[in-house]
Amino acid sequence: MRAPITVVTASIPGREQLLGTTLASVYAQTVEVEAHLVMAQSCTEHLVPPHHVAIQQNWLLPAVRSEFTMRLADDDQLLPHHIETMLPHLDDYDVVYSYDANGDRPRLDCTNWPQDQLVDTFRRQNWIDGSASAIRTSLLREVGGWPEDYVGGNHMTGEGGFVATGLPAEDWACYLNLAIAGARFLCIPEPTWRYGNGNWVRSSTHGWAP
């Protein structure tokens, strides 16, 4: 049995070892995903931080053939039961997320919040990491995928934001857009994936930078 989920991962040269660990975590799932699509491309004058990750993910999105899409950063890892844990809930919700096993990411359960509460809260804060959540592909495409139109500075220094939302991160802006579009959110309040954070090369420090 395969889950109706395609994983998409954006990467850059210099992170091959991290990417390998991420790939292995997807291969190790107790329930197989439909596919894992990867794009690794250097930043250039036309593909620059902070929206380079969003651009790569959006390039992969048309190739997704499954009902759900899961963005997974190239330094994050899924625990073996992650996909299996989400599978029973996909019919009834548009965004399904769970907690990070490291315990240092935000933990807030917004299951069945009314739309106005979701939208108002997302305008102020983001409690769902960009990785490991399952998003209904049709709705993700309806909102235009991950926003790319970053203006006004560099998000690494807290400047600028994405047009329309004004938010500084593409995953945060995407969740807000999904909430505005009426997405139904479900939290699985247990740790099923692991956030990666370390002193390694990133888009903001690799290749061309503003």
N, C-alpha and C. Protein backbone atom coordinates (compact mmCIF):
# COMPACT_ATOMS: atom_id res chain seq x y z
N MET A 1 0.82 -1.20 0.00
CA MET A 1 0.00 0.00 0.00
C MET A 1 0.87 1.26 0.00
N ARG A 2 0.48 2.21 -0.82
CA ARG A 2 1.15 3.50 -0.84
C ARG A 2 0.21 4.58 -0.32
N ALA A 3 0.74 5.51 0.43
CA ALA A 3 -0.05 6.64 0.88
C ALA A 3 -0.19 7.64 -0.26
N PRO A 4 -1.31 8.37 -0.36
CA PRO A 4 -1.50 9.35 -1.43
C PRO A 4 -0.77 10.65 -1.14
N ILE A 5 0.52 10.53 -0.87
CA ILE A 5 1.36 11.67 -0.49
C ILE A 5 2.63 11.68 -1.32
N THR A 6 2.95 12.81 -1.89
CA THR A 6 4.23 13.01 -2.55
C THR A 6 5.06 13.99 -1.73
N VAL A 7 6.27 13.60 -1.42
CA VAL A 7 7.18 14.46 -0.68
C VAL A 7 7.99 15.29 -1.67
N VAL A 8 8.13 16.59 -1.40
CA VAL A 8 8.97 17.46 -2.22
C VAL A 8 10.06 18.07 -1.35
N THR A 9 11.28 18.05 -1.87
CA THR A 9 12.43 18.56 -1.12
C THR A 9 13.28 19.45 -2.01
N ALA A 10 13.56 20.65 -1.55
CA ALA A 10 14.48 21.56 -2.23
C ALA A 10 15.82 21.53 -1.52
N SER A 11 16.89 21.58 -2.31
CA SER A 11 18.22 21.54 -1.72
C SER A 11 19.17 22.39 -2.54
N ILE A 12 20.39 22.50 -2.07
CA ILE A 12 21.46 23.22 -2.78
C ILE A 12 22.73 22.39 -2.68
N PRO A 13 23.69 22.60 -3.60
CA PRO A 13 24.98 21.91 -3.48
C PRO A 13 25.64 22.21 -2.14
N GLY A 14 26.31 21.21 -1.60
CA GLY A 14 26.97 21.38 -0.31
C GLY A 14 26.21 20.76 0.84
N ARG A 15 25.00 20.27 0.56
CA ARG A 15 24.19 19.67 1.61
C ARG A 15 23.86 18.21 1.28
N GLU A 16 24.73 17.57 0.52
CA GLU A 16 24.45 16.22 0.05
C GLU A 16 24.30 15.21 1.19
N GLN A 17 25.13 15.33 2.22
CA GLN A 17 25.05 14.38 3.32
C GLN A 17 23.74 14.54 4.08
N LEU A 18 23.33 15.80 4.30
CA LEU A 18 22.05 16.06 4.95
C LEU A 18 20.91 15.49 4.12
N LEU A 19 20.95 15.75 2.83
CA LEU A 19 19.90 15.28 1.93
C LEU A 19 19.80 13.75 1.96
N GLY A 20 20.93 13.08 2.00
CA GLY A 20 20.92 11.62 2.06
C GLY A 20 20.19 11.10 3.29
N THR A 21 20.39 11.75 4.42
CA THR A 21 19.72 11.33 5.66
C THR A 21 18.22 11.57 5.56
N THR A 22 17.85 12.68 4.94
CA THR A 22 16.44 13.00 4.75
C THR A 22 15.78 11.97 3.84
N LEU A 23 16.43 11.66 2.72
CA LEU A 23 15.91 10.64 1.80
C LEU A 23 15.73 9.31 2.52
N ALA A 24 16.72 8.92 3.31
CA ALA A 24 16.66 7.63 4.02
C ALA A 24 15.46 7.59 4.97
N SER A 25 15.13 8.73 5.58
CA SER A 25 14.00 8.74 6.52
C SER A 25 12.68 8.54 5.79
N VAL A 26 12.59 8.99 4.55
CA VAL A 26 11.38 8.76 3.76
C VAL A 26 11.31 7.31 3.30
N TYR A 27 12.44 6.77 2.87
CA TYR A 27 12.48 5.36 2.46
C TYR A 27 12.14 4.42 3.61
N ALA A 28 12.40 4.84 4.84
CA ALA A 28 12.22 3.97 6.01
C ALA A 28 10.79 3.99 6.55
N GLN A 29 9.86 4.65 5.88
CA GLN A 29 8.49 4.74 6.38
C GLN A 29 7.80 3.37 6.38
N THR A 30 6.97 3.16 7.39
CA THR A 30 6.22 1.91 7.47
C THR A 30 5.14 1.84 6.38
N VAL A 31 4.73 3.00 5.88
CA VAL A 31 3.84 3.08 4.72
C VAL A 31 4.54 3.91 3.66
N GLU A 32 4.67 3.36 2.47
CA GLU A 32 5.41 4.02 1.39
C GLU A 32 4.65 5.23 0.86
N VAL A 33 5.38 6.29 0.51
CA VAL A 33 4.76 7.44 -0.12
C VAL A 33 4.65 7.20 -1.63
N GLU A 34 3.85 8.01 -2.29
CA GLU A 34 3.68 7.88 -3.73
C GLU A 34 4.99 8.17 -4.46
N ALA A 35 5.69 9.24 -4.04
CA ALA A 35 6.96 9.62 -4.67
C ALA A 35 7.67 10.60 -3.77
N HIS A 36 8.97 10.76 -4.01
CA HIS A 36 9.76 11.79 -3.34
C HIS A 36 10.50 12.55 -4.43
N LEU A 37 10.11 13.80 -4.65
CA LEU A 37 10.69 14.63 -5.69
C LEU A 37 11.71 15.58 -5.08
N VAL A 38 12.89 15.64 -5.68
CA VAL A 38 13.98 16.45 -5.15
C VAL A 38 14.51 17.38 -6.22
N MET A 39 14.78 18.63 -5.85
CA MET A 39 15.43 19.57 -6.75
C MET A 39 16.58 20.22 -5.99
N ALA A 40 17.76 20.18 -6.57
CA ALA A 40 18.95 20.78 -5.95
C ALA A 40 19.55 21.77 -6.94
N GLN A 41 19.51 23.04 -6.57
CA GLN A 41 19.96 24.07 -7.49
C GLN A 41 20.60 25.21 -6.71
N SER A 42 21.72 25.70 -7.21
CA SER A 42 22.41 26.82 -6.57
C SER A 42 21.60 28.10 -6.71
N CYS A 43 21.79 28.99 -5.76
CA CYS A 43 21.22 30.33 -5.88
C CYS A 43 21.98 31.10 -6.96
N THR A 44 21.26 31.95 -7.67
CA THR A 44 21.87 32.79 -8.70
C THR A 44 21.27 34.18 -8.58
N GLU A 45 21.64 35.05 -9.48
CA GLU A 45 21.08 36.40 -9.46
C GLU A 45 19.57 36.39 -9.63
N HIS A 46 19.05 35.37 -10.31
CA HIS A 46 17.62 35.29 -10.55
C HIS A 46 16.91 34.30 -9.63
N LEU A 47 17.68 33.51 -8.90
CA LEU A 47 17.14 32.56 -7.94
C LEU A 47 17.84 32.81 -6.62
N VAL A 48 17.29 33.72 -5.83
CA VAL A 48 18.01 34.20 -4.66
C VAL A 48 17.23 33.93 -3.38
N PRO A 49 17.95 33.90 -2.24
CA PRO A 49 17.25 33.86 -0.96
C PRO A 49 16.44 35.15 -0.82
N PRO A 50 15.33 35.14 -0.07
CA PRO A 50 14.85 34.02 0.73
C PRO A 50 13.81 33.16 0.03
N HIS A 51 13.50 33.44 -1.24
CA HIS A 51 12.42 32.70 -1.88
C HIS A 51 12.91 31.58 -2.79
N HIS A 52 14.20 31.27 -2.75
CA HIS A 52 14.76 30.22 -3.60
C HIS A 52 14.12 28.86 -3.31
N VAL A 53 13.91 28.55 -2.03
CA VAL A 53 13.28 27.28 -1.65
C VAL A 53 11.87 27.20 -2.23
N ALA A 54 11.11 28.29 -2.12
CA ALA A 54 9.75 28.30 -2.64
C ALA A 54 9.73 28.09 -4.15
N ILE A 55 10.65 28.72 -4.85
CA ILE A 55 10.71 28.57 -6.30
C ILE A 55 10.95 27.10 -6.69
N GLN A 56 11.89 26.46 -6.02
CA GLN A 56 12.18 25.05 -6.32
C GLN A 56 10.97 24.17 -6.03
N GLN A 57 10.33 24.41 -4.89
CA GLN A 57 9.16 23.61 -4.54
C GLN A 57 8.03 23.80 -5.55
N ASN A 58 7.85 25.03 -6.00
CA ASN A 58 6.80 25.30 -6.98
C ASN A 58 7.13 24.67 -8.34
N TRP A 59 8.40 24.56 -8.67
CA TRP A 59 8.78 23.87 -9.90
C TRP A 59 8.46 22.37 -9.81
N LEU A 60 8.54 21.82 -8.61
CA LEU A 60 8.23 20.41 -8.42
C LEU A 60 6.73 20.15 -8.35
N LEU A 61 5.96 21.13 -7.91
CA LEU A 61 4.54 20.93 -7.66
C LEU A 61 3.76 20.40 -8.87
N PRO A 62 4.01 20.87 -10.10
CA PRO A 62 3.25 20.33 -11.23
C PRO A 62 3.48 18.83 -11.46
N ALA A 63 4.57 18.29 -10.97
CA ALA A 63 4.87 16.87 -11.15
C ALA A 63 4.18 15.99 -10.12
N VAL A 64 3.57 16.61 -9.11
CA VAL A 64 2.88 15.83 -8.07
C VAL A 64 1.61 15.23 -8.65
N ARG A 65 1.43 13.92 -8.48
CA ARG A 65 0.26 13.23 -9.00
C ARG A 65 -0.61 12.67 -7.87
N SER A 66 -0.26 12.94 -6.65
CA SER A 66 -1.00 12.39 -5.51
C SER A 66 -1.93 13.43 -4.91
N GLU A 67 -2.82 12.98 -4.08
CA GLU A 67 -3.83 13.85 -3.48
C GLU A 67 -3.22 14.84 -2.50
N PHE A 68 -2.11 14.46 -1.87
CA PHE A 68 -1.46 15.32 -0.88
C PHE A 68 0.00 15.54 -1.23
N THR A 69 0.49 16.71 -0.82
CA THR A 69 1.88 17.09 -1.00
C THR A 69 2.48 17.38 0.36
N MET A 70 3.70 16.91 0.57
CA MET A 70 4.40 17.14 1.84
C MET A 70 5.76 17.74 1.56
N ARG A 71 5.95 18.96 1.97
CA ARG A 71 7.27 19.58 1.85
C ARG A 71 8.13 19.09 3.00
N LEU A 72 9.35 18.66 2.69
CA LEU A 72 10.29 18.19 3.71
C LEU A 72 11.64 18.83 3.43
N ALA A 73 12.11 19.64 4.36
CA ALA A 73 13.41 20.29 4.20
C ALA A 73 14.51 19.26 4.14
N ASP A 74 15.60 19.60 3.47
CA ASP A 74 16.67 18.62 3.24
C ASP A 74 17.53 18.37 4.47
N ASP A 75 17.19 19.00 5.60
CA ASP A 75 17.89 18.68 6.85
C ASP A 75 16.93 18.18 7.93
N ASP A 76 15.69 17.91 7.55
CA ASP A 76 14.72 17.34 8.49
C ASP A 76 14.55 15.85 8.20
N GLN A 77 14.00 15.14 9.18
CA GLN A 77 13.82 13.69 9.02
C GLN A 77 12.44 13.27 9.53
N LEU A 78 11.82 12.34 8.83
CA LEU A 78 10.58 11.74 9.29
C LEU A 78 10.90 10.53 10.17
N LEU A 79 10.20 10.40 11.29
CA LEU A 79 10.29 9.17 12.04
C LEU A 79 9.53 8.08 11.28
N PRO A 80 9.87 6.81 11.47
CA PRO A 80 9.34 5.75 10.60
C PRO A 80 7.82 5.66 10.53
N HIS A 81 7.10 6.11 11.56
CA HIS A 81 5.65 5.98 11.57
C HIS A 81 4.94 7.26 11.13
N HIS A 82 5.66 8.25 10.64
CA HIS A 82 5.07 9.56 10.32
C HIS A 82 3.93 9.44 9.31
N ILE A 83 4.19 8.85 8.17
CA ILE A 83 3.17 8.73 7.12
C ILE A 83 2.01 7.86 7.60
N GLU A 84 2.30 6.76 8.24
CA GLU A 84 1.26 5.86 8.73
C GLU A 84 0.34 6.57 9.72
N THR A 85 0.91 7.43 10.56
CA THR A 85 0.12 8.16 11.55
C THR A 85 -0.83 9.15 10.89
N MET A 86 -0.40 9.76 9.80
CA MET A 86 -1.24 10.76 9.12
C MET A 86 -2.32 10.14 8.25
N LEU A 87 -2.07 8.97 7.74
CA LEU A 87 -2.91 8.36 6.71
C LEU A 87 -4.40 8.29 7.07
N PRO A 88 -4.79 7.93 8.30
CA PRO A 88 -6.23 7.80 8.59
C PRO A 88 -6.99 9.12 8.57
N HIS A 89 -6.29 10.25 8.57
CA HIS A 89 -6.94 11.55 8.72
C HIS A 89 -7.04 12.33 7.41
N LEU A 90 -6.51 11.80 6.34
CA LEU A 90 -6.40 12.59 5.12
C LEU A 90 -7.74 12.83 4.43
N ASP A 91 -8.70 11.95 4.61
CA ASP A 91 -9.98 12.13 3.93
C ASP A 91 -10.75 13.34 4.44
N ASP A 92 -10.57 13.68 5.70
CA ASP A 92 -11.42 14.69 6.33
C ASP A 92 -10.77 16.05 6.50
N TYR A 93 -9.47 16.16 6.20
CA TYR A 93 -8.77 17.42 6.43
C TYR A 93 -7.90 17.78 5.23
N ASP A 94 -7.56 19.07 5.15
CA ASP A 94 -6.74 19.57 4.04
C ASP A 94 -5.29 19.78 4.43
N VAL A 95 -5.03 20.05 5.70
CA VAL A 95 -3.67 20.21 6.22
C VAL A 95 -3.57 19.37 7.50
N VAL A 96 -2.67 18.40 7.49
CA VAL A 96 -2.47 17.54 8.66
C VAL A 96 -1.02 17.70 9.10
N TYR A 97 -0.83 18.06 10.36
CA TYR A 97 0.53 18.28 10.87
C TYR A 97 0.70 17.62 12.23
N SER A 98 1.95 17.44 12.63
CA SER A 98 2.27 16.82 13.91
C SER A 98 3.44 17.55 14.54
N TYR A 99 3.90 17.04 15.67
CA TYR A 99 4.92 17.74 16.43
C TYR A 99 6.33 17.22 16.12
N ASP A 100 7.29 18.11 16.31
CA ASP A 100 8.71 17.79 16.15
C ASP A 100 9.21 17.04 17.37
N ALA A 101 9.94 15.96 17.14
CA ALA A 101 10.42 15.13 18.24
C ALA A 101 11.48 15.81 19.10
N ASN A 102 12.14 16.84 18.57
CA ASN A 102 13.14 17.54 19.37
C ASN A 102 12.51 18.37 20.47
N GLY A 103 11.27 18.75 20.28
CA GLY A 103 10.57 19.50 21.32
C GLY A 103 10.89 20.98 21.37
N ASP A 104 11.60 21.50 20.36
CA ASP A 104 11.97 22.91 20.40
C ASP A 104 11.22 23.73 19.35
N ARG A 105 10.21 23.14 18.72
CA ARG A 105 9.37 23.85 17.76
C ARG A 105 8.04 24.18 18.42
N PRO A 106 7.30 25.16 17.89
CA PRO A 106 6.00 25.51 18.48
C PRO A 106 5.05 24.32 18.51
N ARG A 107 4.26 24.25 19.58
CA ARG A 107 3.27 23.18 19.69
C ARG A 107 1.92 23.81 20.03
N LEU A 108 1.02 23.78 19.07
CA LEU A 108 -0.30 24.35 19.24
C LEU A 108 -1.27 23.55 18.39
N ASP A 109 -2.36 23.13 18.97
CA ASP A 109 -3.36 22.32 18.29
C ASP A 109 -4.49 23.22 17.80
N CYS A 110 -4.61 23.40 16.48
CA CYS A 110 -5.65 24.27 15.93
C CYS A 110 -6.76 23.45 15.27
N THR A 111 -6.87 22.18 15.62
CA THR A 111 -7.87 21.32 15.00
C THR A 111 -9.27 21.91 15.14
N ASN A 112 -9.96 22.02 14.01
CA ASN A 112 -11.35 22.47 13.95
C ASN A 112 -11.56 23.91 14.42
N TRP A 113 -10.50 24.71 14.43
CA TRP A 113 -10.71 26.13 14.69
C TRP A 113 -11.58 26.71 13.58
N PRO A 114 -12.44 27.69 13.88
CA PRO A 114 -13.18 28.37 12.81
C PRO A 114 -12.22 29.17 11.93
N GLN A 115 -12.64 29.42 10.71
CA GLN A 115 -11.75 30.05 9.74
C GLN A 115 -11.25 31.41 10.21
N ASP A 116 -12.11 32.22 10.81
CA ASP A 116 -11.68 33.56 11.21
C ASP A 116 -10.61 33.49 12.30
N GLN A 117 -10.70 32.50 13.20
CA GLN A 117 -9.67 32.34 14.23
C GLN A 117 -8.35 31.89 13.61
N LEU A 118 -8.42 30.96 12.66
CA LEU A 118 -7.22 30.51 11.97
C LEU A 118 -6.52 31.67 11.27
N VAL A 119 -7.29 32.42 10.48
CA VAL A 119 -6.72 33.52 9.70
C VAL A 119 -6.13 34.57 10.62
N ASP A 120 -6.88 34.98 11.64
CA ASP A 120 -6.41 36.03 12.54
C ASP A 120 -5.13 35.61 13.27
N THR A 121 -5.07 34.34 13.68
CA THR A 121 -3.89 33.87 14.41
C THR A 121 -2.69 33.73 13.48
N PHE A 122 -2.92 33.23 12.26
CA PHE A 122 -1.81 33.12 11.31
C PHE A 122 -1.26 34.49 10.93
N ARG A 123 -2.06 35.51 10.95
CA ARG A 123 -1.55 36.85 10.64
C ARG A 123 -0.55 37.32 11.69
N ARG A 124 -0.63 36.77 12.90
CA ARG A 124 0.24 37.19 14.01
C ARG A 124 1.39 36.22 14.26
N GLN A 125 1.16 34.93 14.05
CA GLN A 125 2.18 33.94 14.38
C GLN A 125 2.00 32.68 13.54
N ASN A 126 3.08 31.90 13.46
CA ASN A 126 3.01 30.60 12.80
C ASN A 126 3.47 29.53 13.77
N TRP A 127 2.66 28.50 13.96
CA TRP A 127 2.98 27.41 14.87
C TRP A 127 3.15 26.08 14.13
N ILE A 128 3.05 26.09 12.81
CA ILE A 128 3.21 24.87 12.02
C ILE A 128 4.47 24.98 11.19
N ASP A 129 5.42 24.11 11.40
CA ASP A 129 6.66 24.19 10.65
C ASP A 129 6.39 23.89 9.17
N GLY A 130 7.30 24.41 8.32
CA GLY A 130 7.14 24.18 6.89
C GLY A 130 7.31 22.73 6.48
N SER A 131 7.98 21.95 7.29
CA SER A 131 8.24 20.55 6.97
C SER A 131 7.17 19.61 7.52
N ALA A 132 7.01 18.51 6.82
CA ALA A 132 6.35 17.30 7.34
C ALA A 132 4.83 17.36 7.42
N SER A 133 4.20 18.47 7.08
CA SER A 133 2.74 18.52 7.07
C SER A 133 2.21 18.07 5.71
N ALA A 134 1.09 17.37 5.71
CA ALA A 134 0.46 16.91 4.49
C ALA A 134 -0.58 17.94 4.06
N ILE A 135 -0.46 18.47 2.84
CA ILE A 135 -1.35 19.51 2.34
C ILE A 135 -2.07 18.98 1.10
N ARG A 136 -3.37 19.17 1.06
CA ARG A 136 -4.14 18.72 -0.10
C ARG A 136 -3.62 19.43 -1.35
N THR A 137 -3.20 18.65 -2.33
CA THR A 137 -2.51 19.20 -3.51
C THR A 137 -3.39 20.18 -4.27
N SER A 138 -4.65 19.86 -4.46
CA SER A 138 -5.54 20.74 -5.23
C SER A 138 -5.66 22.11 -4.58
N LEU A 139 -5.73 22.14 -3.24
CA LEU A 139 -5.85 23.41 -2.54
C LEU A 139 -4.53 24.17 -2.55
N LEU A 140 -3.43 23.43 -2.44
CA LEU A 140 -2.12 24.06 -2.52
C LEU A 140 -1.92 24.74 -3.87
N ARG A 141 -2.35 24.08 -4.93
CA ARG A 141 -2.28 24.69 -6.26
C ARG A 141 -3.23 25.87 -6.38
N GLU A 142 -4.40 25.77 -5.76
CA GLU A 142 -5.39 26.85 -5.83
C GLU A 142 -4.85 28.15 -5.25
N VAL A 143 -4.04 28.06 -4.19
CA VAL A 143 -3.48 29.28 -3.57
C VAL A 143 -2.16 29.69 -4.22
N GLY A 144 -1.74 28.97 -5.26
CA GLY A 144 -0.52 29.34 -5.97
C GLY A 144 0.75 28.73 -5.42
N GLY A 145 0.62 27.68 -4.60
CA GLY A 145 1.81 27.06 -4.02
C GLY A 145 2.42 27.95 -2.95
N TRP A 146 3.73 27.89 -2.85
CA TRP A 146 4.45 28.71 -1.87
C TRP A 146 4.77 30.07 -2.50
N PRO A 147 4.49 31.16 -1.82
CA PRO A 147 4.71 32.49 -2.42
C PRO A 147 6.18 32.73 -2.73
N GLU A 148 6.42 33.44 -3.82
CA GLU A 148 7.78 33.73 -4.28
C GLU A 148 8.09 35.23 -4.29
N ASP A 149 7.07 36.06 -4.14
CA ASP A 149 7.21 37.50 -4.38
C ASP A 149 7.68 38.24 -3.13
N TYR A 150 8.91 37.97 -2.73
CA TYR A 150 9.49 38.58 -1.54
C TYR A 150 10.08 39.94 -1.90
N VAL A 151 9.75 40.95 -1.11
CA VAL A 151 10.24 42.30 -1.39
C VAL A 151 10.67 42.98 -0.10
N GLY A 152 11.54 43.96 -0.25
CA GLY A 152 11.83 44.85 0.87
C GLY A 152 12.99 44.47 1.75
N GLY A 153 13.87 43.58 1.29
CA GLY A 153 15.05 43.29 2.11
C GLY A 153 15.33 41.81 2.19
N ASN A 154 16.00 41.42 3.25
CA ASN A 154 16.44 40.05 3.44
C ASN A 154 15.80 39.49 4.71
N HIS A 155 15.08 38.37 4.59
CA HIS A 155 14.38 37.85 5.75
C HIS A 155 15.33 37.37 6.83
N MET A 156 16.60 37.10 6.49
CA MET A 156 17.57 36.68 7.50
C MET A 156 17.87 37.80 8.49
N THR A 157 17.61 39.03 8.11
CA THR A 157 17.83 40.17 9.01
C THR A 157 16.50 40.77 9.47
N GLY A 158 15.42 40.06 9.22
CA GLY A 158 14.12 40.52 9.68
C GLY A 158 13.52 41.63 8.84
N GLU A 159 13.99 41.78 7.62
CA GLU A 159 13.49 42.84 6.75
C GLU A 159 12.61 42.25 5.66
N GLY A 160 11.64 43.04 5.21
CA GLY A 160 10.84 42.66 4.05
C GLY A 160 9.80 41.60 4.37
N GLY A 161 9.14 41.14 3.31
CA GLY A 161 8.11 40.13 3.44
C GLY A 161 7.53 39.79 2.09
N PHE A 162 6.63 38.84 2.08
CA PHE A 162 5.99 38.43 0.84
C PHE A 162 4.80 39.35 0.54
N VAL A 163 4.66 39.71 -0.72
CA VAL A 163 3.57 40.57 -1.16
C VAL A 163 2.24 39.92 -0.77
N ALA A 164 1.28 40.72 -0.45
CA ALA A 164 -0.09 40.33 -0.06
C ALA A 164 -0.16 39.98 1.42
N THR A 165 0.71 39.11 1.91
CA THR A 165 0.64 38.74 3.33
C THR A 165 1.56 39.58 4.20
N GLY A 166 2.70 40.04 3.64
CA GLY A 166 3.68 40.77 4.42
C GLY A 166 4.49 39.90 5.36
N LEU A 167 4.30 38.59 5.29
CA LEU A 167 4.98 37.68 6.21
C LEU A 167 6.38 37.34 5.70
N PRO A 168 7.32 37.03 6.61
CA PRO A 168 8.72 36.87 6.22
C PRO A 168 9.14 35.47 5.80
N ALA A 169 8.25 34.47 5.89
CA ALA A 169 8.62 33.09 5.56
C ALA A 169 7.60 32.49 4.61
N GLU A 170 8.09 31.75 3.62
CA GLU A 170 7.20 31.22 2.58
C GLU A 170 6.23 30.17 3.13
N ASP A 171 6.66 29.37 4.11
CA ASP A 171 5.75 28.37 4.68
C ASP A 171 4.64 29.05 5.49
N TRP A 172 4.99 30.05 6.29
CA TRP A 172 4.02 30.80 7.08
C TRP A 172 2.99 31.46 6.16
N ALA A 173 3.47 32.14 5.12
CA ALA A 173 2.56 32.81 4.18
C ALA A 173 1.66 31.79 3.48
N CYS A 174 2.19 30.62 3.17
CA CYS A 174 1.40 29.58 2.52
C CYS A 174 0.28 29.10 3.44
N TYR A 175 0.59 28.88 4.72
CA TYR A 175 -0.45 28.44 5.65
C TYR A 175 -1.54 29.50 5.81
N LEU A 176 -1.16 30.77 5.85
CA LEU A 176 -2.15 31.83 5.91
C LEU A 176 -3.05 31.79 4.68
N ASN A 177 -2.45 31.66 3.51
CA ASN A 177 -3.24 31.61 2.28
C ASN A 177 -4.18 30.40 2.27
N LEU A 178 -3.72 29.28 2.79
CA LEU A 178 -4.57 28.10 2.87
C LEU A 178 -5.74 28.32 3.83
N ALA A 179 -5.46 28.97 4.95
CA ALA A 179 -6.53 29.26 5.91
C ALA A 179 -7.57 30.19 5.29
N ILE A 180 -7.11 31.21 4.57
CA ILE A 180 -8.02 32.14 3.90
C ILE A 180 -8.88 31.39 2.89
N ALA A 181 -8.31 30.39 2.24
CA ALA A 181 -9.03 29.61 1.23
C ALA A 181 -9.97 28.58 1.84
N GLY A 182 -10.01 28.49 3.17
CA GLY A 182 -10.94 27.59 3.83
C GLY A 182 -10.41 26.22 4.18
N ALA A 183 -9.10 26.03 4.20
CA ALA A 183 -8.51 24.73 4.51
C ALA A 183 -8.91 24.27 5.91
N ARG A 184 -9.14 22.98 6.04
CA ARG A 184 -9.44 22.36 7.33
C ARG A 184 -8.14 21.79 7.89
N PHE A 185 -7.77 22.25 9.08
CA PHE A 185 -6.50 21.88 9.70
C PHE A 185 -6.73 20.83 10.79
N LEU A 186 -5.80 19.87 10.85
CA LEU A 186 -5.80 18.86 11.92
C LEU A 186 -4.41 18.74 12.50
N CYS A 187 -4.32 18.78 13.81
CA CYS A 187 -3.06 18.52 14.50
C CYS A 187 -3.07 17.10 15.06
N ILE A 188 -2.00 16.37 14.80
CA ILE A 188 -1.77 15.10 15.48
C ILE A 188 -0.79 15.40 16.60
N PRO A 189 -1.24 15.45 17.84
CA PRO A 189 -0.41 15.96 18.94
C PRO A 189 0.60 14.94 19.46
N GLU A 190 1.44 14.47 18.57
CA GLU A 190 2.51 13.56 18.96
C GLU A 190 3.71 13.78 18.04
N PRO A 191 4.91 13.52 18.52
CA PRO A 191 6.11 13.73 17.71
C PRO A 191 6.29 12.63 16.68
N THR A 192 6.33 13.01 15.39
CA THR A 192 6.50 12.01 14.33
C THR A 192 7.57 12.41 13.33
N TRP A 193 8.29 13.50 13.59
CA TRP A 193 9.37 13.91 12.71
C TRP A 193 10.40 14.68 13.51
N ARG A 194 11.55 14.94 12.90
CA ARG A 194 12.64 15.59 13.63
C ARG A 194 13.17 16.78 12.84
N TYR A 195 13.17 17.94 13.49
CA TYR A 195 13.65 19.17 12.88
C TYR A 195 15.17 19.21 12.89
N GLY A 196 15.78 19.56 11.75
CA GLY A 196 17.22 19.65 11.67
C GLY A 196 17.69 21.09 11.78
N ASN A 197 18.63 21.32 12.64
CA ASN A 197 19.16 22.67 12.81
C ASN A 197 20.63 22.57 13.18
N GLY A 198 21.48 23.19 12.36
CA GLY A 198 22.91 23.10 12.63
C GLY A 198 23.68 24.15 11.87
N ASN A 199 24.95 24.15 12.08
CA ASN A 199 25.83 25.14 11.46
C ASN A 199 26.33 24.59 10.13
N TRP A 200 25.45 24.57 9.15
CA TRP A 200 25.82 24.08 7.82
C TRP A 200 25.39 25.07 6.75
N VAL A 201 25.88 24.87 5.54
CA VAL A 201 25.63 25.80 4.45
C VAL A 201 24.14 25.89 4.17
N ARG A 202 23.67 27.12 3.90
CA ARG A 202 22.25 27.37 3.64
C ARG A 202 22.10 28.22 2.39
N SER A 203 20.86 28.33 1.90
CA SER A 203 20.61 29.17 0.73
C SER A 203 21.07 30.60 0.97
N SER A 204 20.89 31.08 2.19
CA SER A 204 21.22 32.47 2.50
C SER A 204 22.73 32.73 2.52
N THR A 205 23.53 31.66 2.56
CA THR A 205 24.98 31.84 2.58
C THR A 205 25.67 31.17 1.41
N HIS A 206 24.88 30.65 0.46
CA HIS A 206 25.44 29.88 -0.64
C HIS A 206 25.27 30.63 -1.95
N GLY A 207 26.31 30.76 -2.69
CA GLY A 207 26.21 31.38 -4.03
C GLY A 207 25.88 32.84 -3.93
N TRP A 208 25.06 33.32 -4.88
CA TRP A 208 24.72 34.74 -4.94
C TRP A 208 23.81 35.10 -3.79
N ALA A 209 24.02 36.23 -3.17
CA ALA A 209 23.15 36.71 -2.09
C ALA A 209 22.95 38.21 -2.26
N PRO A 210 21.74 38.71 -1.87
CA PRO A 210 21.47 40.13 -2.03
C PRO A 210 22.26 40.97 -1.04
